[in-house]
Amino acid sequence: MILPGFGVAAQEKLGRAKVLIVGMGALGCPALQYLVGAGVGNIGIIDSDLVSESNLHRQLLYGYADIGKPKVAVAAALMRLQNPAIQITTYQTSFERKNALDLLEGYDIVIDATDNFIAKYIINDAAGILNIPMIYGAVTRYQGQLTVFHFPDQNNLKFNYRDLFPVPPADHLMGTCESLGVIGVLPGIIGCLQAAEAIKLITDIGKTLAGRLYTHDFLEATNYEIALSKNSSISMIKKEDFLKPNHTSSEE
């Protein structure tokens, strides 16, 4: 407790916090590790996938012995060894419109560690309905970005994913780490920064990225930010509309 401004009270806040990580891939792995190390007391992890060989270069919680095993089970077992005092809840399921609100209910923060557009819209809309801060992260090839949605910036404005991307792109424009490729260390950088934003939100220490989109360029070793702008053409989705079968952020 030697850090200025970070004392017992901040650590106790971390111990009481409840954070949900959606996606236990390249972003979710480092985010989980550092939240566990920080002492976040209650963490939920969601992923329906099994470990595959193609994951191993960028999802460093997993090894060859884990191939074919559920990601959430492997990750939870390792993290319980790292910090037995924390509570980890696993959900081996997809995060979809039909279960999103139930899965998010009761958590203080949601970390978007997914790698597809549809999931990001679902997380965004559900987090907005429940008024839960969303820590957005994305990586493609040599660039990664993150910000904090559904949390007031210095001007008391709240932004959301639809301010950046009002509607999902056409199917042929959608891509993932698997289909587009990503340099292995980049998700580690962005995932760690997502954990850092969660710690700041929980402890109320430092300035969050709310209202600012942060981008890291691996090839140029540069970082830059842009100020977010409200998209006047959109409004937050209402619960009754979110639950309709034809809602625009429906699952694949």
C-alpha atoms as a PDB file:
ATOM      1  CA  MET A   1       0.000   0.000   0.000  1.00  0.00           C
ATOM      2  CA  ILE A   2       2.867   2.389  -0.715  1.00  0.00           C
ATOM      3  CA  LEU A   3       1.335   3.904  -3.869  1.00  0.00           C
ATOM      4  CA  PRO A   4       0.230   7.517  -3.311  1.00  0.00           C
ATOM      5  CA  GLY A   5      -3.555   7.672  -3.170  1.00  0.00           C
ATOM      6  CA  PHE A   6      -3.931   3.903  -3.263  1.00  0.00           C
ATOM      7  CA  GLY A   7      -4.459   2.686   0.264  1.00  0.00           C
ATOM      8  CA  VAL A   8      -6.522   0.172   2.176  1.00  0.00           C
ATOM      9  CA  ALA A   9      -9.796   1.745   1.066  1.00  0.00           C
ATOM     10  CA  ALA A  10      -8.934   1.269  -2.617  1.00  0.00           C
ATOM     11  CA  GLN A  11      -7.936  -2.343  -2.054  1.00  0.00           C
ATOM     12  CA  GLU A  12     -11.169  -2.999  -0.191  1.00  0.00           C
ATOM     13  CA  LYS A  13     -13.134  -1.573  -3.121  1.00  0.00           C
ATOM     14  CA  LEU A  14     -11.358  -4.010  -5.422  1.00  0.00           C
ATOM     15  CA  GLY A  15     -12.223  -6.864  -3.096  1.00  0.00           C
ATOM     16  CA  ARG A  16     -15.927  -5.983  -3.197  1.00  0.00           C
ATOM     17  CA  ALA A  17     -16.092  -5.379  -6.946  1.00  0.00           C
ATOM     18  CA  LYS A  18     -17.872  -7.626  -9.430  1.00  0.00           C
ATOM     19  CA  VAL A  19     -16.485  -7.640 -12.970  1.00  0.00           C
ATOM     20  CA  LEU A  20     -17.761  -9.659 -15.925  1.00  0.00           C
ATOM     21  CA  ILE A  21     -15.381 -10.500 -18.778  1.00  0.00           C
ATOM     22  CA  VAL A  22     -17.110 -11.485 -22.013  1.00  0.00           C
ATOM     23  CA  GLY A  23     -14.653 -13.525 -24.063  1.00  0.00           C
ATOM     24  CA  MET A  24     -11.720 -15.549 -22.764  1.00  0.00           C
ATOM     25  CA  GLY A  25      -9.540 -15.155 -25.816  1.00  0.00           C
ATOM     26  CA  ALA A  26      -6.608 -12.886 -26.534  1.00  0.00           C
ATOM     27  CA  LEU A  27      -8.040  -9.859 -24.700  1.00  0.00           C
ATOM     28  CA  GLY A  28      -9.803 -11.690 -21.902  1.00  0.00           C
ATOM     29  CA  CYS A  29      -6.763 -13.709 -20.799  1.00  0.00           C
ATOM     30  CA  PRO A  30      -4.514 -10.768 -19.796  1.00  0.00           C
ATOM     31  CA  ALA A  31      -7.446  -8.761 -18.452  1.00  0.00           C
ATOM     32  CA  LEU A  32      -8.405 -11.652 -16.174  1.00  0.00           C
ATOM     33  CA  GLN A  33      -4.859 -12.261 -14.974  1.00  0.00           C
ATOM     34  CA  TYR A  34      -4.296  -8.684 -13.898  1.00  0.00           C
ATOM     35  CA  LEU A  35      -7.698  -8.296 -12.267  1.00  0.00           C
ATOM     36  CA  VAL A  36      -7.032 -11.445 -10.263  1.00  0.00           C
ATOM     37  CA  GLY A  37      -3.593 -10.149  -9.347  1.00  0.00           C
ATOM     38  CA  ALA A  38      -5.102  -6.826  -8.286  1.00  0.00           C
ATOM     39  CA  GLY A  39      -7.483  -8.599  -5.916  1.00  0.00           C
ATOM     40  CA  VAL A  40     -10.829  -8.016  -7.621  1.00  0.00           C
ATOM     41  CA  GLY A  41     -13.044 -10.173  -5.448  1.00  0.00           C
ATOM     42  CA  ASN A  42     -15.701 -11.420  -7.851  1.00  0.00           C
ATOM     43  CA  ILE A  43     -15.063 -12.107 -11.524  1.00  0.00           C
ATOM     44  CA  GLY A  44     -17.340 -13.749 -14.057  1.00  0.00           C
ATOM     45  CA  ILE A  45     -15.931 -15.138 -17.302  1.00  0.00           C
ATOM     46  CA  ILE A  46     -17.983 -16.038 -20.370  1.00  0.00           C
ATOM     47  CA  ASP A  47     -16.908 -18.058 -23.399  1.00  0.00           C
ATOM     48  CA  SER A  48     -18.402 -21.024 -25.218  1.00  0.00           C
ATOM     49  CA  ASP A  49     -15.188 -22.008 -27.008  1.00  0.00           C
ATOM     50  CA  LEU A  50     -12.724 -24.814 -26.462  1.00  0.00           C
ATOM     51  CA  VAL A  51      -8.973 -24.215 -26.564  1.00  0.00           C
ATOM     52  CA  SER A  52      -7.464 -24.804 -30.019  1.00  0.00           C
ATOM     53  CA  GLU A  53      -3.872 -24.853 -31.234  1.00  0.00           C
ATOM     54  CA  SER A  54      -4.402 -21.656 -33.223  1.00  0.00           C
ATOM     55  CA  ASN A  55      -5.143 -19.809 -29.960  1.00  0.00           C
ATOM     56  CA  LEU A  56      -1.851 -20.508 -28.249  1.00  0.00           C
ATOM     57  CA  HIS A  57       0.364 -17.762 -29.702  1.00  0.00           C
ATOM     58  CA  ARG A  58      -1.819 -14.984 -28.313  1.00  0.00           C
ATOM     59  CA  GLN A  59      -3.908 -16.565 -25.506  1.00  0.00           C
ATOM     60  CA  LEU A  60      -1.170 -17.279 -23.015  1.00  0.00           C
ATOM     61  CA  LEU A  61      -3.280 -18.815 -20.267  1.00  0.00           C
ATOM     62  CA  TYR A  62      -3.548 -21.958 -22.383  1.00  0.00           C
ATOM     63  CA  GLY A  63      -1.043 -24.616 -23.437  1.00  0.00           C
ATOM     64  CA  TYR A  64      -0.968 -27.727 -25.601  1.00  0.00           C
ATOM     65  CA  ALA A  65      -2.292 -29.851 -22.744  1.00  0.00           C
ATOM     66  CA  ASP A  66      -5.436 -27.687 -22.703  1.00  0.00           C
ATOM     67  CA  ILE A  67      -6.418 -28.197 -26.345  1.00  0.00           C
ATOM     68  CA  GLY A  68     -10.019 -29.366 -26.504  1.00  0.00           C
ATOM     69  CA  LYS A  69     -10.863 -28.152 -22.996  1.00  0.00           C
ATOM     70  CA  PRO A  70     -13.334 -25.320 -22.237  1.00  0.00           C
ATOM     71  CA  LYS A  71     -11.506 -22.003 -22.037  1.00  0.00           C
ATOM     72  CA  VAL A  72     -13.457 -20.830 -19.005  1.00  0.00           C
ATOM     73  CA  ALA A  73     -12.669 -24.003 -17.050  1.00  0.00           C
ATOM     74  CA  VAL A  74      -8.938 -23.837 -17.779  1.00  0.00           C
ATOM     75  CA  ALA A  75      -8.737 -20.116 -17.009  1.00  0.00           C
ATOM     76  CA  ALA A  76     -10.696 -20.398 -13.767  1.00  0.00           C
ATOM     77  CA  ALA A  77      -8.579 -23.285 -12.481  1.00  0.00           C
ATOM     78  CA  LEU A  78      -5.341 -21.390 -13.103  1.00  0.00           C
ATOM     79  CA  MET A  79      -6.610 -18.176 -11.531  1.00  0.00           C
ATOM     80  CA  ARG A  80      -7.838 -19.972  -8.414  1.00  0.00           C
ATOM     81  CA  LEU A  81      -4.291 -21.223  -7.946  1.00  0.00           C
ATOM     82  CA  GLN A  82      -2.981 -17.693  -8.368  1.00  0.00           C
ATOM     83  CA  ASN A  83      -5.405 -16.163  -5.865  1.00  0.00           C
ATOM     84  CA  PRO A  84      -7.592 -18.616  -3.902  1.00  0.00           C
ATOM     85  CA  ALA A  85      -9.345 -15.756  -2.106  1.00  0.00           C
ATOM     86  CA  ILE A  86     -11.284 -14.558  -5.129  1.00  0.00           C
ATOM     87  CA  GLN A  87     -14.584 -15.854  -6.473  1.00  0.00           C
ATOM     88  CA  ILE A  88     -14.606 -16.829 -10.156  1.00  0.00           C
ATOM     89  CA  THR A  89     -17.883 -17.739 -11.821  1.00  0.00           C
ATOM     90  CA  THR A  90     -17.732 -19.478 -15.193  1.00  0.00           C
ATOM     91  CA  TYR A  91     -20.318 -19.373 -17.955  1.00  0.00           C
ATOM     92  CA  GLN A  92     -19.582 -21.772 -20.809  1.00  0.00           C
ATOM     93  CA  THR A  93     -22.058 -20.161 -23.156  1.00  0.00           C
ATOM     94  CA  SER A  94     -22.319 -17.541 -25.855  1.00  0.00           C
ATOM     95  CA  PHE A  95     -23.271 -13.995 -24.856  1.00  0.00           C
ATOM     96  CA  GLU A  96     -26.458 -13.480 -26.842  1.00  0.00           C
ATOM     97  CA  ARG A  97     -29.411 -11.163 -26.833  1.00  0.00           C
ATOM     98  CA  LYS A  98     -31.608 -13.806 -25.195  1.00  0.00           C
ATOM     99  CA  ASN A  99     -29.322 -14.216 -22.139  1.00  0.00           C
ATOM    100  CA  ALA A 100     -27.364 -10.946 -22.032  1.00  0.00           C
ATOM    101  CA  LEU A 101     -29.390  -9.117 -19.398  1.00  0.00           C
ATOM    102  CA  ASP A 102     -29.503 -12.123 -17.075  1.00  0.00           C
ATOM    103  CA  LEU A 103     -25.738 -12.657 -17.368  1.00  0.00           C
ATOM    104  CA  LEU A 104     -24.911  -8.983 -16.759  1.00  0.00           C
ATOM    105  CA  GLU A 105     -27.292  -8.480 -13.851  1.00  0.00           C
ATOM    106  CA  GLY A 106     -25.441  -7.925 -10.576  1.00  0.00           C
ATOM    107  CA  TYR A 107     -22.057  -6.979 -12.050  1.00  0.00           C
ATOM    108  CA  ASP A 108     -20.482  -3.543 -11.603  1.00  0.00           C
ATOM    109  CA  ILE A 109     -18.453  -3.494 -14.832  1.00  0.00           C
ATOM    110  CA  VAL A 110     -18.380  -5.476 -18.068  1.00  0.00           C
ATOM    111  CA  ILE A 111     -15.211  -5.929 -20.109  1.00  0.00           C
ATOM    112  CA  ASP A 112     -15.800  -6.475 -23.808  1.00  0.00           C
ATOM    113  CA  ALA A 113     -13.061  -8.937 -24.744  1.00  0.00           C
ATOM    114  CA  THR A 114     -14.856 -10.277 -27.808  1.00  0.00           C
ATOM    115  CA  ASP A 115     -13.585 -10.313 -31.368  1.00  0.00           C
ATOM    116  CA  ASN A 116     -16.754  -9.850 -33.393  1.00  0.00           C
ATOM    117  CA  PHE A 117     -19.045  -6.923 -34.111  1.00  0.00           C
ATOM    118  CA  ILE A 118     -22.331  -8.596 -33.225  1.00  0.00           C
ATOM    119  CA  ALA A 119     -21.218  -9.444 -29.686  1.00  0.00           C
ATOM    120  CA  LYS A 120     -20.042  -5.870 -29.153  1.00  0.00           C
ATOM    121  CA  TYR A 121     -23.462  -4.464 -30.056  1.00  0.00           C
ATOM    122  CA  ILE A 122     -25.160  -6.902 -27.710  1.00  0.00           C
ATOM    123  CA  ILE A 123     -22.798  -6.056 -24.841  1.00  0.00           C
ATOM    124  CA  ASN A 124     -23.195  -2.341 -25.514  1.00  0.00           C
ATOM    125  CA  ASP A 125     -26.972  -2.381 -25.601  1.00  0.00           C
ATOM    126  CA  ALA A 126     -27.331  -4.621 -22.547  1.00  0.00           C
ATOM    127  CA  ALA A 127     -24.842  -2.533 -20.564  1.00  0.00           C
ATOM    128  CA  GLY A 128     -26.726   0.622 -21.506  1.00  0.00           C
ATOM    129  CA  ILE A 129     -30.043  -0.822 -20.378  1.00  0.00           C
ATOM    130  CA  LEU A 130     -28.556  -1.857 -17.024  1.00  0.00           C
ATOM    131  CA  ASN A 131     -26.399   1.288 -16.701  1.00  0.00           C
ATOM    132  CA  ILE A 132     -23.183  -0.717 -16.318  1.00  0.00           C
ATOM    133  CA  PRO A 133     -19.845   0.714 -17.526  1.00  0.00           C
ATOM    134  CA  MET A 134     -18.456  -1.177 -20.524  1.00  0.00           C
ATOM    135  CA  ILE A 135     -14.725  -1.343 -21.190  1.00  0.00           C
ATOM    136  CA  TYR A 136     -14.430  -1.799 -24.940  1.00  0.00           C
ATOM    137  CA  GLY A 137     -11.363  -3.325 -26.553  1.00  0.00           C
ATOM    138  CA  ALA A 138     -10.579  -4.403 -30.102  1.00  0.00           C
ATOM    139  CA  VAL A 139      -7.495  -5.610 -31.978  1.00  0.00           C
ATOM    140  CA  THR A 140      -6.901  -6.224 -35.671  1.00  0.00           C
ATOM    141  CA  ARG A 141      -3.593  -6.958 -37.362  1.00  0.00           C
ATOM    142  CA  TYR A 142      -1.233  -4.286 -35.961  1.00  0.00           C
ATOM    143  CA  GLN A 143      -3.640  -1.894 -34.235  1.00  0.00           C
ATOM    144  CA  GLY A 144      -5.661  -2.033 -31.041  1.00  0.00           C
ATOM    145  CA  GLN A 145      -8.080   0.371 -29.417  1.00  0.00           C
ATOM    146  CA  LEU A 146     -10.088   0.803 -26.255  1.00  0.00           C
ATOM    147  CA  THR A 147     -12.365   3.178 -24.414  1.00  0.00           C
ATOM    148  CA  VAL A 148     -14.977   3.214 -21.657  1.00  0.00           C
ATOM    149  CA  PHE A 149     -18.656   3.407 -22.581  1.00  0.00           C
ATOM    150  CA  HIS A 150     -21.705   4.118 -20.404  1.00  0.00           C
ATOM    151  CA  PHE A 151     -19.654   6.137 -17.911  1.00  0.00           C
ATOM    152  CA  PRO A 152     -19.578   9.947 -17.640  1.00  0.00           C
ATOM    153  CA  ASP A 153     -16.584  11.768 -19.090  1.00  0.00           C
ATOM    154  CA  GLN A 154     -15.188  15.046 -17.752  1.00  0.00           C
ATOM    155  CA  ASN A 155     -18.175  16.870 -19.296  1.00  0.00           C
ATOM    156  CA  ASN A 156     -20.627  14.394 -17.749  1.00  0.00           C
ATOM    157  CA  LEU A 157     -21.455  12.907 -21.151  1.00  0.00           C
ATOM    158  CA  LYS A 158     -21.921   9.183 -21.619  1.00  0.00           C
ATOM    159  CA  PHE A 159     -20.916   7.598 -24.905  1.00  0.00           C
ATOM    160  CA  ASN A 160     -21.702   4.165 -26.258  1.00  0.00           C
ATOM    161  CA  TYR A 161     -20.538   1.833 -29.017  1.00  0.00           C
ATOM    162  CA  ARG A 162     -23.240   3.056 -31.385  1.00  0.00           C
ATOM    163  CA  ASP A 163     -21.763   6.553 -31.266  1.00  0.00           C
ATOM    164  CA  LEU A 164     -18.798   5.021 -33.118  1.00  0.00           C
ATOM    165  CA  PHE A 165     -20.644   2.445 -35.207  1.00  0.00           C
ATOM    166  CA  PRO A 166     -24.401   3.157 -35.371  1.00  0.00           C
ATOM    167  CA  VAL A 167     -25.278  -0.163 -37.040  1.00  0.00           C
ATOM    168  CA  PRO A 168     -23.439  -3.439 -37.684  1.00  0.00           C
ATOM    169  CA  PRO A 169     -21.419  -3.576 -40.909  1.00  0.00           C
ATOM    170  CA  ALA A 170     -22.371  -5.805 -43.802  1.00  0.00           C
ATOM    171  CA  ASP A 171     -21.549  -9.477 -43.325  1.00  0.00           C
ATOM    172  CA  HIS A 172     -18.691  -9.433 -45.840  1.00  0.00           C
ATOM    173  CA  LEU A 173     -16.981  -6.600 -43.929  1.00  0.00           C
ATOM    174  CA  MET A 174     -16.968  -8.390 -40.595  1.00  0.00           C
ATOM    175  CA  GLY A 175     -13.724  -9.991 -39.446  1.00  0.00           C
ATOM    176  CA  THR A 176     -12.102 -11.595 -36.415  1.00  0.00           C
ATOM    177  CA  CYS A 177      -8.577 -12.227 -35.169  1.00  0.00           C
ATOM    178  CA  GLU A 178      -8.793 -15.648 -36.794  1.00  0.00           C
ATOM    179  CA  SER A 179      -9.832 -14.324 -40.200  1.00  0.00           C
ATOM    180  CA  LEU A 180      -7.802 -11.093 -40.350  1.00  0.00           C
ATOM    181  CA  GLY A 181      -4.795 -11.977 -38.212  1.00  0.00           C
ATOM    182  CA  VAL A 182      -3.246 -10.129 -35.273  1.00  0.00           C
ATOM    183  CA  ILE A 183       0.300  -9.795 -33.958  1.00  0.00           C
ATOM    184  CA  GLY A 184       0.394 -11.880 -30.786  1.00  0.00           C
ATOM    185  CA  VAL A 185       1.577  -9.253 -28.289  1.00  0.00           C
ATOM    186  CA  LEU A 186      -1.014  -6.631 -29.256  1.00  0.00           C
ATOM    187  CA  PRO A 187      -3.987  -8.193 -27.429  1.00  0.00           C
ATOM    188  CA  GLY A 188      -1.778  -8.456 -24.349  1.00  0.00           C
ATOM    189  CA  ILE A 189      -1.235  -4.699 -24.415  1.00  0.00           C
ATOM    190  CA  ILE A 190      -4.899  -3.847 -24.924  1.00  0.00           C
ATOM    191  CA  GLY A 191      -6.145  -6.485 -22.475  1.00  0.00           C
ATOM    192  CA  CYS A 192      -3.863  -5.143 -19.751  1.00  0.00           C
ATOM    193  CA  LEU A 193      -5.127  -1.626 -20.420  1.00  0.00           C
ATOM    194  CA  GLN A 194      -8.704  -2.881 -20.117  1.00  0.00           C
ATOM    195  CA  ALA A 195      -7.816  -4.253 -16.685  1.00  0.00           C
ATOM    196  CA  ALA A 196      -6.259  -0.888 -15.822  1.00  0.00           C
ATOM    197  CA  GLU A 197      -9.453   0.936 -16.768  1.00  0.00           C
ATOM    198  CA  ALA A 198     -11.471  -1.446 -14.601  1.00  0.00           C
ATOM    199  CA  ILE A 199      -9.189  -0.775 -11.639  1.00  0.00           C
ATOM    200  CA  LYS A 200      -9.583   2.984 -12.115  1.00  0.00           C
ATOM    201  CA  LEU A 201     -13.361   2.696 -12.330  1.00  0.00           C
ATOM    202  CA  ILE A 202     -13.529   0.569  -9.195  1.00  0.00           C
ATOM    203  CA  THR A 203     -11.171   2.638  -7.056  1.00  0.00           C
ATOM    204  CA  ASP A 204     -12.027   6.081  -8.464  1.00  0.00           C
ATOM    205  CA  ILE A 205      -8.307   6.744  -8.878  1.00  0.00           C
ATOM    206  CA  GLY A 206      -6.995   8.431 -12.006  1.00  0.00           C
ATOM    207  CA  LYS A 207      -8.719   9.528 -15.205  1.00  0.00           C
ATOM    208  CA  THR A 208     -10.596   6.942 -17.234  1.00  0.00           C
ATOM    209  CA  LEU A 209     -10.813   6.794 -21.026  1.00  0.00           C
ATOM    210  CA  ALA A 210     -14.498   7.740 -20.981  1.00  0.00           C
ATOM    211  CA  GLY A 211     -15.021  10.140 -23.876  1.00  0.00           C
ATOM    212  CA  ARG A 212     -11.696   9.246 -25.514  1.00  0.00           C
ATOM    213  CA  LEU A 213     -10.867   6.485 -27.986  1.00  0.00           C
ATOM    214  CA  TYR A 214      -7.306   5.257 -27.410  1.00  0.00           C
ATOM    215  CA  THR A 215      -5.415   3.574 -30.247  1.00  0.00           C
ATOM    216  CA  HIS A 216      -2.086   1.739 -30.133  1.00  0.00           C
ATOM    217  CA  ASP A 217      -0.116   1.202 -33.349  1.00  0.00           C
ATOM    218  CA  PHE A 218       2.290  -1.716 -33.019  1.00  0.00           C
ATOM    219  CA  LEU A 219       4.308  -1.018 -36.172  1.00  0.00           C
ATOM    220  CA  GLU A 220       4.941   2.645 -35.373  1.00  0.00           C
ATOM    221  CA  ALA A 221       5.155   2.222 -31.581  1.00  0.00           C
ATOM    222  CA  THR A 222       2.759   5.145 -31.214  1.00  0.00           C
ATOM    223  CA  ASN A 223      -0.371   5.839 -29.200  1.00  0.00           C
ATOM    224  CA  TYR A 224      -2.993   8.443 -29.953  1.00  0.00           C
ATOM    225  CA  GLU A 225      -6.453   9.474 -28.803  1.00  0.00           C
ATOM    226  CA  ILE A 226      -9.495  11.021 -30.405  1.00  0.00           C
ATOM    227  CA  ALA A 227     -12.346  12.703 -28.577  1.00  0.00           C
ATOM    228  CA  LEU A 228     -15.636  10.872 -28.992  1.00  0.00           C
ATOM    229  CA  SER A 229     -18.681  12.685 -30.346  1.00  0.00           C
ATOM    230  CA  LYS A 230     -22.321  11.943 -29.674  1.00  0.00           C
ATOM    231  CA  ASN A 231     -24.173  10.569 -32.669  1.00  0.00           C
ATOM    232  CA  SER A 232     -27.405  12.551 -32.739  1.00  0.00           C
ATOM    233  CA  SER A 233     -29.032  10.051 -35.091  1.00  0.00           C
ATOM    234  CA  ILE A 234     -29.191   7.306 -32.478  1.00  0.00           C
ATOM    235  CA  SER A 235     -30.734   6.801 -29.062  1.00  0.00           C
ATOM    236  CA  MET A 236     -30.124   4.118 -26.480  1.00  0.00           C
ATOM    237  CA  ILE A 237     -32.012   0.887 -27.022  1.00  0.00           C
ATOM    238  CA  LYS A 238     -34.920   0.286 -24.668  1.00  0.00           C
ATOM    239  CA  LYS A 239     -35.281  -3.046 -22.903  1.00  0.00           C
ATOM    240  CA  GLU A 240     -38.497  -3.955 -24.683  1.00  0.00           C
ATOM    241  CA  ASP A 241     -36.892  -3.288 -28.083  1.00  0.00           C
ATOM    242  CA  PHE A 242     -33.695  -5.132 -27.159  1.00  0.00           C
ATOM    243  CA  LEU A 243     -35.704  -8.265 -26.430  1.00  0.00           C
ATOM    244  CA  LYS A 244     -37.542  -8.221 -29.758  1.00  0.00           C
ATOM    245  CA  PRO A 245     -36.482 -10.979 -32.198  1.00  0.00           C
ATOM    246  CA  ASN A 246     -35.761  -8.474 -34.994  1.00  0.00           C
ATOM    247  CA  HIS A 247     -33.510  -6.227 -32.899  1.00  0.00           C
ATOM    248  CA  THR A 248     -30.475  -5.084 -34.951  1.00  0.00           C
ATOM    249  CA  SER A 249     -27.909  -6.516 -32.528  1.00  0.00           C
ATOM    250  CA  SER A 250     -29.276 -10.046 -32.711  1.00  0.00           C
ATOM    251  CA  GLU A 251     -26.854 -12.900 -32.468  1.00  0.00           C
ATOM    252  CA  GLU A 252     -25.311 -14.641 -35.436  1.00  0.00           C
END
